[in-house]
Amino acid sequence: MTLSRSTDDRRVIRFRPRMGPLRGSHRWNALNNNSEPDDSSVVDLTKYEWPESDDDYRHRMIVNAISLVFTILLILAGIWLADMMAHA
């Protein structure tokens, strides 16, 4: 007995787009409307910022390099462990 699937039992469901006031760029414009006063309860955070120095960049790159080496070592340990389990 062969199972064959006819093309008659396939269905295509078409979804109608939603129609409403908050759609696409209308929503973006409504959210970024600058005509209303800012009711944000968040205080200005610029007092906590400081300019990025070369020292911060150097430290971040060193930490990234250490993280990369650690990740490579974890991958190699996983491959070695899988190989040992395969040969056991």
Protein backbone atom coordinates (compact mmCIF):
# COMPACT_ATOMS: atom_id res chain seq x y z
CA MET A 1 0.00 0.00 0.00
CA THR A 2 1.48 3.30 -1.02
CA LEU A 3 0.65 6.49 0.72
CA SER A 4 0.18 9.36 -1.64
CA ARG A 5 -0.78 12.85 -0.75
CA SER A 6 -2.96 14.69 -3.14
CA THR A 7 -2.60 18.38 -3.70
CA ASP A 8 -6.28 18.88 -2.89
CA ASP A 9 -5.80 18.61 0.88
CA ARG A 10 -3.32 21.49 1.10
CA ARG A 11 -4.66 24.83 2.24
CA VAL A 12 -3.30 28.32 2.11
CA ILE A 13 -4.40 30.58 4.92
CA ARG A 14 -4.30 34.24 4.06
CA PHE A 15 -4.09 36.68 6.92
CA ARG A 16 -5.68 40.06 6.50
CA PRO A 17 -3.62 42.99 7.75
CA ARG A 18 -4.94 44.66 10.86
CA MET A 19 -6.44 48.04 10.36
CA GLY A 20 -6.10 50.41 13.25
CA PRO A 21 -4.72 53.74 14.36
CA LEU A 22 -1.42 52.32 15.66
CA ARG A 23 0.12 50.87 12.54
CA GLY A 24 3.61 51.19 11.08
CA SER A 25 4.94 54.72 10.99
CA HIS A 26 1.77 56.09 12.62
CA ARG A 27 2.72 54.37 15.85
CA TRP A 28 6.29 55.59 15.60
CA ASN A 29 5.12 59.16 15.07
CA ALA A 30 2.69 58.88 17.96
CA LEU A 31 5.44 57.68 20.27
CA ASN A 32 7.91 60.35 19.18
CA ASN A 33 5.56 63.30 19.23
CA ASN A 34 7.54 66.10 20.86
CA SER A 35 4.60 68.47 21.21
CA GLU A 36 3.65 67.07 24.62
CA PRO A 37 5.77 67.72 27.73
CA ASP A 38 8.15 65.00 28.84
CA ASP A 39 6.52 63.07 31.68
CA SER A 40 9.53 60.81 32.17
CA SER A 41 10.31 60.01 35.79
CA VAL A 42 13.91 59.17 34.86
CA VAL A 43 16.39 61.85 35.85
CA ASP A 44 19.08 63.04 33.50
CA LEU A 45 21.87 60.43 33.54
CA THR A 46 24.57 62.56 31.88
CA LYS A 47 26.05 63.38 35.28
CA TYR A 48 27.07 59.71 35.60
CA GLU A 49 28.76 59.50 32.20
CA TRP A 50 32.42 60.06 31.57
CA PRO A 51 34.31 60.15 28.29
CA GLU A 52 35.82 56.89 27.15
CA SER A 53 39.59 56.88 27.43
CA ASP A 54 42.19 54.73 25.72
CA ASP A 55 42.71 52.94 29.03
CA ASP A 56 39.09 51.74 29.07
CA TYR A 57 39.36 50.56 25.47
CA ARG A 58 42.61 48.69 26.16
CA HIS A 59 41.16 46.98 29.23
CA ARG A 60 38.01 45.98 27.34
CA MET A 61 40.03 44.48 24.49
CA ILE A 62 42.19 42.50 26.95
CA VAL A 63 39.07 41.13 28.64
CA ASN A 64 37.62 40.23 25.22
CA ALA A 65 40.83 38.37 24.28
CA ILE A 66 40.82 36.44 27.57
CA SER A 67 37.16 35.54 27.02
CA LEU A 68 37.93 34.33 23.49
CA VAL A 69 40.78 32.11 24.72
CA PHE A 70 38.58 30.71 27.49
CA THR A 71 35.80 29.93 25.03
CA ILE A 72 38.21 28.19 22.66
CA LEU A 73 39.57 26.12 25.56
CA LEU A 74 36.03 25.10 26.53
CA ILE A 75 35.28 24.03 22.96
CA LEU A 76 38.49 22.01 22.76
CA ALA A 77 37.76 20.35 26.12
CA GLY A 78 34.28 19.44 24.90
CA ILE A 79 35.66 17.94 21.69
CA TRP A 80 38.29 16.00 23.64
CA LEU A 81 35.67 14.70 26.08
CA ALA A 82 33.35 13.63 23.25
CA ASP A 83 36.26 11.86 21.56
CA MET A 84 37.17 10.03 24.79
CA MET A 85 33.56 8.92 25.26
CA ALA A 86 33.40 7.70 21.65
CA HIS A 87 36.51 5.55 22.08
CA ALA A 88 35.46 4.11 25.43
